[in-house]
Amino acid sequence: ALALGWLWTITSVTVAGVLTGRVGTRGGATRR
């Protein structure tokens, strides 16, 4: 549950970046 909470946080930040058009070129494996 803690690992999935971390995944949810990363997913939320990444999806927010995709929706706003601010997806950076750098990022970790989970973001990819």
PDB file of all heavy atoms in Angstrom:
ATOM      1  N   ALA A   1       0.834  -1.208   0.000  1.00  0.00           N
ATOM      2  CA  ALA A   1       0.000   0.000   0.000  1.00  0.00           C
ATOM      3  C   ALA A   1       0.868   1.258   0.000  1.00  0.00           C
ATOM      4  O   ALA A   1       0.550   2.232  -0.692  1.00  0.00           O
ATOM      5  CB  ALA A   1      -0.936  -0.014   1.204  1.00  0.00           C
ATOM      6  N   LEU A   2       1.964   1.239   0.755  1.00  0.00           N
ATOM      7  CA  LEU A   2       2.862   2.397   0.756  1.00  0.00           C
ATOM      8  C   LEU A   2       3.532   2.588  -0.607  1.00  0.00           C
ATOM      9  O   LEU A   2       3.662   3.719  -1.089  1.00  0.00           O
ATOM     10  CB  LEU A   2       3.918   2.237   1.844  1.00  0.00           C
ATOM     11  CG  LEU A   2       3.399   2.338   3.282  1.00  0.00           C
ATOM     12  CD1 LEU A   2       4.499   1.968   4.271  1.00  0.00           C
ATOM     13  CD2 LEU A   2       2.859   3.718   3.559  1.00  0.00           C
ATOM     14  N   ALA A   3       3.944   1.496  -1.251  1.00  0.00           N
ATOM     15  CA  ALA A   3       4.565   1.588  -2.573  1.00  0.00           C
ATOM     16  C   ALA A   3       3.561   2.105  -3.603  1.00  0.00           C
ATOM     17  O   ALA A   3       3.903   2.925  -4.465  1.00  0.00           O
ATOM     18  CB  ALA A   3       5.120   0.233  -3.002  1.00  0.00           C
ATOM     19  N   LEU A   4       2.330   1.641  -3.523  1.00  0.00           N
ATOM     20  CA  LEU A   4       1.308   2.125  -4.455  1.00  0.00           C
ATOM     21  C   LEU A   4       0.952   3.580  -4.184  1.00  0.00           C
ATOM     22  O   LEU A   4       0.587   4.321  -5.101  1.00  0.00           O
ATOM     23  CB  LEU A   4       0.067   1.239  -4.396  1.00  0.00           C
ATOM     24  CG  LEU A   4       0.243  -0.134  -5.047  1.00  0.00           C
ATOM     25  CD1 LEU A   4      -1.009  -0.992  -4.835  1.00  0.00           C
ATOM     26  CD2 LEU A   4       0.566  -0.014  -6.512  1.00  0.00           C
ATOM     27  N   GLY A   5       1.064   4.014  -2.934  1.00  0.00           N
ATOM     28  CA  GLY A   5       0.868   5.438  -2.627  1.00  0.00           C
ATOM     29  C   GLY A   5       1.947   6.291  -3.280  1.00  0.00           C
ATOM     30  O   GLY A   5       1.666   7.368  -3.814  1.00  0.00           O
ATOM     31  N   TRP A   6       3.186   5.804  -3.262  1.00  0.00           N
ATOM     32  CA  TRP A   6       4.279   6.509  -3.923  1.00  0.00           C
ATOM     33  C   TRP A   6       4.050   6.527  -5.440  1.00  0.00           C
ATOM     34  O   TRP A   6       4.252   7.552  -6.093  1.00  0.00           O
ATOM     35  CB  TRP A   6       5.611   5.861  -3.572  1.00  0.00           C
ATOM     36  CG  TRP A   6       6.781   6.543  -4.194  1.00  0.00           C
ATOM     37  CD1 TRP A   6       7.607   6.031  -5.151  1.00  0.00           C
ATOM     38  CD2 TRP A   6       7.258   7.864  -3.944  1.00  0.00           C
ATOM     39  NE1 TRP A   6       8.555   6.956  -5.492  1.00  0.00           N
ATOM     40  CE2 TRP A   6       8.367   8.089  -4.765  1.00  0.00           C
ATOM     41  CE3 TRP A   6       6.837   8.876  -3.096  1.00  0.00           C
ATOM     42  CZ2 TRP A   6       9.063   9.293  -4.765  1.00  0.00           C
ATOM     43  CZ3 TRP A   6       7.529  10.073  -3.099  1.00  0.00           C
ATOM     44  CH2 TRP A   6       8.638  10.265  -3.929  1.00  0.00           C
ATOM     45  N   LEU A   7       3.633   5.396  -5.999  1.00  0.00           N
ATOM     46  CA  LEU A   7       3.341   5.332  -7.433  1.00  0.00           C
ATOM     47  C   LEU A   7       2.215   6.292  -7.790  1.00  0.00           C
ATOM     48  O   LEU A   7       2.262   6.958  -8.828  1.00  0.00           O
ATOM     49  CB  LEU A   7       2.980   3.908  -7.847  1.00  0.00           C
ATOM     50  CG  LEU A   7       2.589   3.717  -9.309  1.00  0.00           C
ATOM     51  CD1 LEU A   7       3.768   4.020 -10.227  1.00  0.00           C
ATOM     52  CD2 LEU A   7       2.072   2.315  -9.543  1.00  0.00           C
ATOM     53  N   TRP A   8       1.200   6.394  -6.921  1.00  0.00           N
ATOM     54  CA  TRP A   8       0.096   7.312  -7.179  1.00  0.00           C
ATOM     55  C   TRP A   8       0.603   8.750  -7.215  1.00  0.00           C
ATOM     56  O   TRP A   8       0.178   9.545  -8.050  1.00  0.00           O
ATOM     57  CB  TRP A   8      -0.986   7.146  -6.111  1.00  0.00           C
ATOM     58  CG  TRP A   8      -2.125   8.084  -6.324  1.00  0.00           C
ATOM     59  CD1 TRP A   8      -3.206   7.901  -7.140  1.00  0.00           C
ATOM     60  CD2 TRP A   8      -2.290   9.377  -5.735  1.00  0.00           C
ATOM     61  NE1 TRP A   8      -4.028   9.003  -7.082  1.00  0.00           N
ATOM     62  CE2 TRP A   8      -3.487   9.919  -6.232  1.00  0.00           C
ATOM     63  CE3 TRP A   8      -1.539  10.122  -4.836  1.00  0.00           C
ATOM     64  CZ2 TRP A   8      -3.950  11.173  -5.852  1.00  0.00           C
ATOM     65  CZ3 TRP A   8      -1.999  11.382  -4.470  1.00  0.00           C
ATOM     66  CH2 TRP A   8      -3.200  11.889  -4.973  1.00  0.00           C
ATOM     67  N   THR A   9       1.506   9.094  -6.291  1.00  0.00           N
ATOM     68  CA  THR A   9       2.054  10.451  -6.256  1.00  0.00           C
ATOM     69  C   THR A   9       2.802  10.770  -7.545  1.00  0.00           C
ATOM     70  O   THR A   9       2.604  11.827  -8.156  1.00  0.00           O
ATOM     71  CB  THR A   9       2.994  10.620  -5.046  1.00  0.00           C
ATOM     72  OG1 THR A   9       2.265  10.318  -3.857  1.00  0.00           O
ATOM     73  CG2 THR A   9       3.554  12.025  -4.972  1.00  0.00           C
ATOM     74  N   ILE A  10       3.661   9.855  -7.976  1.00  0.00           N
ATOM     75  CA  ILE A  10       4.424  10.064  -9.202  1.00  0.00           C
ATOM     76  C   ILE A  10       3.497  10.129 -10.415  1.00  0.00           C
ATOM     77  O   ILE A  10       3.670  10.967 -11.297  1.00  0.00           O
ATOM     78  CB  ILE A  10       5.483   8.957  -9.370  1.00  0.00           C
ATOM     79  CG1 ILE A  10       6.528   9.088  -8.273  1.00  0.00           C
ATOM     80  CG2 ILE A  10       6.128   9.012 -10.741  1.00  0.00           C
ATOM     81  CD1 ILE A  10       7.477   7.920  -8.195  1.00  0.00           C
ATOM     82  N   THR A  11       2.493   9.254 -10.435  1.00  0.00           N
ATOM     83  CA  THR A  11       1.538   9.263 -11.541  1.00  0.00           C
ATOM     84  C   THR A  11       0.765  10.574 -11.578  1.00  0.00           C
ATOM     85  O   THR A  11       0.555  11.148 -12.655  1.00  0.00           O
ATOM     86  CB  THR A  11       0.566   8.085 -11.417  1.00  0.00           C
ATOM     87  OG1 THR A  11       1.309   6.872 -11.391  1.00  0.00           O
ATOM     88  CG2 THR A  11      -0.412   8.040 -12.572  1.00  0.00           C
ATOM     89  N   SER A  12       0.359  11.070 -10.424  1.00  0.00           N
ATOM     90  CA  SER A  12      -0.394  12.329 -10.377  1.00  0.00           C
ATOM     91  C   SER A  12       0.436  13.492 -10.906  1.00  0.00           C
ATOM     92  O   SER A  12      -0.055  14.309 -11.694  1.00  0.00           O
ATOM     93  CB  SER A  12      -0.838  12.623  -8.935  1.00  0.00           C
ATOM     94  OG  SER A  12      -1.711  11.625  -8.489  1.00  0.00           O
ATOM     95  N   VAL A  13       1.691  13.560 -10.488  1.00  0.00           N
ATOM     96  CA  VAL A  13       2.564  14.648 -10.956  1.00  0.00           C
ATOM     97  C   VAL A  13       2.807  14.536 -12.456  1.00  0.00           C
ATOM     98  O   VAL A  13       2.762  15.524 -13.193  1.00  0.00           O
ATOM     99  CB  VAL A  13       3.895  14.637 -10.164  1.00  0.00           C
ATOM    100  CG1 VAL A  13       4.913  15.571 -10.775  1.00  0.00           C
ATOM    101  CG2 VAL A  13       3.642  14.989  -8.707  1.00  0.00           C
ATOM    102  N   THR A  14       3.057  13.313 -12.934  1.00  0.00           N
ATOM    103  CA  THR A  14       3.329  13.109 -14.361  1.00  0.00           C
ATOM    104  C   THR A  14       2.107  13.421 -15.209  1.00  0.00           C
ATOM    105  O   THR A  14       2.208  14.101 -16.236  1.00  0.00           O
ATOM    106  CB  THR A  14       3.803  11.669 -14.621  1.00  0.00           C
ATOM    107  OG1 THR A  14       4.952  11.419 -13.823  1.00  0.00           O
ATOM    108  CG2 THR A  14       4.132  11.450 -16.084  1.00  0.00           C
ATOM    109  N   VAL A  15       0.939  12.940 -14.794  1.00  0.00           N
ATOM    110  CA  VAL A  15      -0.287  13.193 -15.566  1.00  0.00           C
ATOM    111  C   VAL A  15      -0.623  14.679 -15.542  1.00  0.00           C
ATOM    112  O   VAL A  15      -1.054  15.237 -16.552  1.00  0.00           O
ATOM    113  CB  VAL A  15      -1.451  12.328 -15.036  1.00  0.00           C
ATOM    114  CG1 VAL A  15      -2.788  12.778 -15.586  1.00  0.00           C
ATOM    115  CG2 VAL A  15      -1.204  10.871 -15.385  1.00  0.00           C
ATOM    116  N   ALA A  16      -0.392  15.345 -14.413  1.00  0.00           N
ATOM    117  CA  ALA A  16      -0.619  16.797 -14.373  1.00  0.00           C
ATOM    118  C   ALA A  16       0.308  17.501 -15.355  1.00  0.00           C
ATOM    119  O   ALA A  16      -0.106  18.443 -16.044  1.00  0.00           O
ATOM    120  CB  ALA A  16      -0.399  17.329 -12.956  1.00  0.00           C
ATOM    121  N   GLY A  17       1.547  17.040 -15.469  1.00  0.00           N
ATOM    122  CA  GLY A  17       2.472  17.615 -16.439  1.00  0.00           C
ATOM    123  C   GLY A  17       2.035  17.357 -17.866  1.00  0.00           C
ATOM    124  O   GLY A  17       2.162  18.226 -18.733  1.00  0.00           O
ATOM    125  N   VAL A  18       1.508  16.161 -18.122  1.00  0.00           N
ATOM    126  CA  VAL A  18       1.027  15.840 -19.470  1.00  0.00           C
ATOM    127  C   VAL A  18      -0.170  16.721 -19.822  1.00  0.00           C
ATOM    128  O   VAL A  18      -0.261  17.253 -20.928  1.00  0.00           O
ATOM    129  CB  VAL A  18       0.666  14.339 -19.574  1.00  0.00           C
ATOM    130  CG1 VAL A  18      -0.131  14.044 -20.828  1.00  0.00           C
ATOM    131  CG2 VAL A  18       1.914  13.484 -19.525  1.00  0.00           C
ATOM    132  N   LEU A  19      -1.080  16.879 -18.886  1.00  0.00           N
ATOM    133  CA  LEU A  19      -2.290  17.656 -19.171  1.00  0.00           C
ATOM    134  C   LEU A  19      -2.007  19.143 -19.342  1.00  0.00           C
ATOM    135  O   LEU A  19      -2.700  19.825 -20.100  1.00  0.00           O
ATOM    136  CB  LEU A  19      -3.317  17.440 -18.056  1.00  0.00           C
ATOM    137  CG  LEU A  19      -3.906  16.033 -17.972  1.00  0.00           C
ATOM    138  CD1 LEU A  19      -4.853  15.919 -16.791  1.00  0.00           C
ATOM    139  CD2 LEU A  19      -4.610  15.649 -19.264  1.00  0.00           C
ATOM    140  N   THR A  20      -1.004  19.651 -18.641  1.00  0.00           N
ATOM    141  CA  THR A  20      -0.673  21.065 -18.786  1.00  0.00           C
ATOM    142  C   THR A  20       0.349  21.314 -19.884  1.00  0.00           C
ATOM    143  O   THR A  20       0.638  22.462 -20.205  1.00  0.00           O
ATOM    144  CB  THR A  20      -0.127  21.633 -17.459  1.00  0.00           C
ATOM    145  OG1 THR A  20       1.033  20.899 -17.080  1.00  0.00           O
ATOM    146  CG2 THR A  20      -1.168  21.572 -16.369  1.00  0.00           C
ATOM    147  N   GLY A  21       0.908  20.246 -20.440  1.00  0.00           N
ATOM    148  CA  GLY A  21       1.885  20.392 -21.515  1.00  0.00           C
ATOM    149  C   GLY A  21       3.283  20.687 -21.021  1.00  0.00           C
ATOM    150  O   GLY A  21       4.135  21.129 -21.780  1.00  0.00           O
ATOM    151  N   ARG A  22       3.559  20.458 -19.759  1.00  0.00           N
ATOM    152  CA  ARG A  22       4.870  20.742 -19.192  1.00  0.00           C
ATOM    153  C   ARG A  22       5.601  19.451 -18.830  1.00  0.00           C
ATOM    154  O   ARG A  22       6.033  19.276 -17.705  1.00  0.00           O
ATOM    155  CB  ARG A  22       4.732  21.610 -17.956  1.00  0.00           C
ATOM    156  CG  ARG A  22       4.259  23.007 -18.285  1.00  0.00           C
ATOM    157  CD  ARG A  22       4.216  23.856 -17.061  1.00  0.00           C
ATOM    158  NE  ARG A  22       3.073  23.401 -16.261  1.00  0.00           N
ATOM    159  CZ  ARG A  22       2.980  23.534 -14.951  1.00  0.00           C
ATOM    160  NH1 ARG A  22       3.928  24.086 -14.279  1.00  0.00           N
ATOM    161  NH2 ARG A  22       1.919  23.109 -14.310  1.00  0.00           N
ATOM    162  N   VAL A  23       5.740  18.552 -19.767  1.00  0.00           N
ATOM    163  CA  VAL A  23       6.456  17.305 -19.522  1.00  0.00           C
ATOM    164  C   VAL A  23       7.918  17.553 -19.833  1.00  0.00           C
ATOM    165  O   VAL A  23       8.288  17.887 -20.956  1.00  0.00           O
ATOM    166  CB  VAL A  23       5.909  16.151 -20.395  1.00  0.00           C
ATOM    167  CG1 VAL A  23       6.684  14.894 -20.154  1.00  0.00           C
ATOM    168  CG2 VAL A  23       4.449  15.951 -20.103  1.00  0.00           C
ATOM    169  N   GLY A  24       8.759  17.391 -18.832  1.00  0.00           N
ATOM    170  CA  GLY A  24      10.189  17.621 -19.001  1.00  0.00           C
ATOM    171  C   GLY A  24      10.867  16.467 -19.717  1.00  0.00           C
ATOM    172  O   GLY A  24      10.296  15.396 -19.901  1.00  0.00           O
ATOM    173  N   THR A  25      12.105  16.701 -20.122  1.00  0.00           N
ATOM    174  CA  THR A  25      12.856  15.649 -20.805  1.00  0.00           C
ATOM    175  C   THR A  25      13.595  14.758 -19.829  1.00  0.00           C
ATOM    176  O   THR A  25      13.986  13.663 -20.170  1.00  0.00           O
ATOM    177  CB  THR A  25      13.862  16.271 -21.786  1.00  0.00           C
ATOM    178  OG1 THR A  25      14.726  17.147 -21.059  1.00  0.00           O
ATOM    179  CG2 THR A  25      13.139  17.036 -22.877  1.00  0.00           C
ATOM    180  N   ARG A  26      13.819  15.237 -18.615  1.00  0.00           N
ATOM    181  CA  ARG A  26      14.507  14.433 -17.617  1.00  0.00           C
ATOM    182  C   ARG A  26      13.485  13.779 -16.706  1.00  0.00           C
ATOM    183  O   ARG A  26      12.422  14.307 -16.466  1.00  0.00           O
ATOM    184  CB  ARG A  26      15.436  15.314 -16.785  1.00  0.00           C
ATOM    185  CG  ARG A  26      16.582  15.860 -17.577  1.00  0.00           C
ATOM    186  CD  ARG A  26      17.485  16.729 -16.752  1.00  0.00           C
ATOM    187  NE  ARG A  26      17.462  16.369 -15.338  1.00  0.00           N
ATOM    188  CZ  ARG A  26      17.792  17.181 -14.363  1.00  0.00           C
ATOM    189  NH1 ARG A  26      18.148  18.397 -14.634  1.00  0.00           N
ATOM    190  NH2 ARG A  26      17.757  16.782 -13.110  1.00  0.00           N
ATOM    191  N   GLY A  27      13.841  12.640 -16.178  1.00  0.00           N
ATOM    192  CA  GLY A  27      12.930  11.983 -15.251  1.00  0.00           C
ATOM    193  C   GLY A  27      13.422  10.590 -14.930  1.00  0.00           C
ATOM    194  O   GLY A  27      14.301  10.046 -15.590  1.00  0.00           O
ATOM    195  N   GLY A  28      12.853  10.021 -13.909  1.00  0.00           N
ATOM    196  CA  GLY A  28      13.251   8.705 -13.463  1.00  0.00           C
ATOM    197  C   GLY A  28      12.550   7.601 -14.224  1.00  0.00           C
ATOM    198  O   GLY A  28      11.728   7.833 -15.117  1.00  0.00           O
ATOM    199  N   ALA A  29      12.886   6.394 -13.843  1.00  0.00           N
ATOM    200  CA  ALA A  29      12.317   5.211 -14.502  1.00  0.00           C
ATOM    201  C   ALA A  29      10.815   5.111 -14.255  1.00  0.00           C
ATOM    202  O   ALA A  29      10.062   4.727 -15.150  1.00  0.00           O
ATOM    203  CB  ALA A  29      13.023   3.957 -14.013  1.00  0.00           C
ATOM    204  N   THR A  30      10.362   5.470 -13.060  1.00  0.00           N
ATOM    205  CA  THR A  30       8.937   5.375 -12.756  1.00  0.00           C
ATOM    206  C   THR A  30       8.141   6.364 -13.593  1.00  0.00           C
ATOM    207  O   THR A  30       7.068   6.033 -14.098  1.00  0.00           O
ATOM    208  CB  THR A  30       8.696   5.634 -11.265  1.00  0.00           C
ATOM    209  OG1 THR A  30       9.553   4.784 -10.511  1.00  0.00           O
ATOM    210  CG2 THR A  30       7.273   5.367 -10.886  1.00  0.00           C
ATOM    211  N   ARG A  31       8.666   7.549 -13.779  1.00  0.00           N
ATOM    212  CA  ARG A  31       7.991   8.549 -14.610  1.00  0.00           C
ATOM    213  C   ARG A  31       7.885   8.061 -16.049  1.00  0.00           C
ATOM    214  O   ARG A  31       6.849   8.210 -16.696  1.00  0.00           O
ATOM    215  CB  ARG A  31       8.748   9.878 -14.551  1.00  0.00           C
ATOM    216  CG  ARG A  31       8.067  10.983 -15.296  1.00  0.00           C
ATOM    217  CD  ARG A  31       8.866  12.280 -15.150  1.00  0.00           C
ATOM    218  NE  ARG A  31       8.545  13.158 -16.218  1.00  0.00           N
ATOM    219  CZ  ARG A  31       9.049  13.095 -17.446  1.00  0.00           C
ATOM    220  NH1 ARG A  31       9.918  12.193 -17.757  1.00  0.00           N
ATOM    221  NH2 ARG A  31       8.679  13.943 -18.372  1.00  0.00           N
ATOM    222  N   ARG A  32       8.959   7.454 -16.547  1.00  0.00           N
ATOM    223  CA  ARG A  32       8.917   6.903 -17.902  1.00  0.00           C
ATOM    224  C   ARG A  32       7.889   5.777 -17.992  1.00  0.00           C
ATOM    225  O   ARG A  32       7.191   5.643 -19.005  1.00  0.00           O
ATOM    226  CB  ARG A  32      10.299   6.411 -18.304  1.00  0.00           C
ATOM    227  CG  ARG A  32      11.236   7.541 -18.689  1.00  0.00           C
ATOM    228  CD  ARG A  32      12.499   7.022 -19.349  1.00  0.00           C
ATOM    229  NE  ARG A  32      13.335   6.251 -18.445  1.00  0.00           N
ATOM    230  CZ  ARG A  32      14.279   6.767 -17.660  1.00  0.00           C
ATOM    231  NH1 ARG A  32      14.490   8.057 -17.673  1.00  0.00           N
ATOM    232  NH2 ARG A  32      14.995   5.997 -16.879  1.00  0.00           N
TER     233      ARG A  32
END
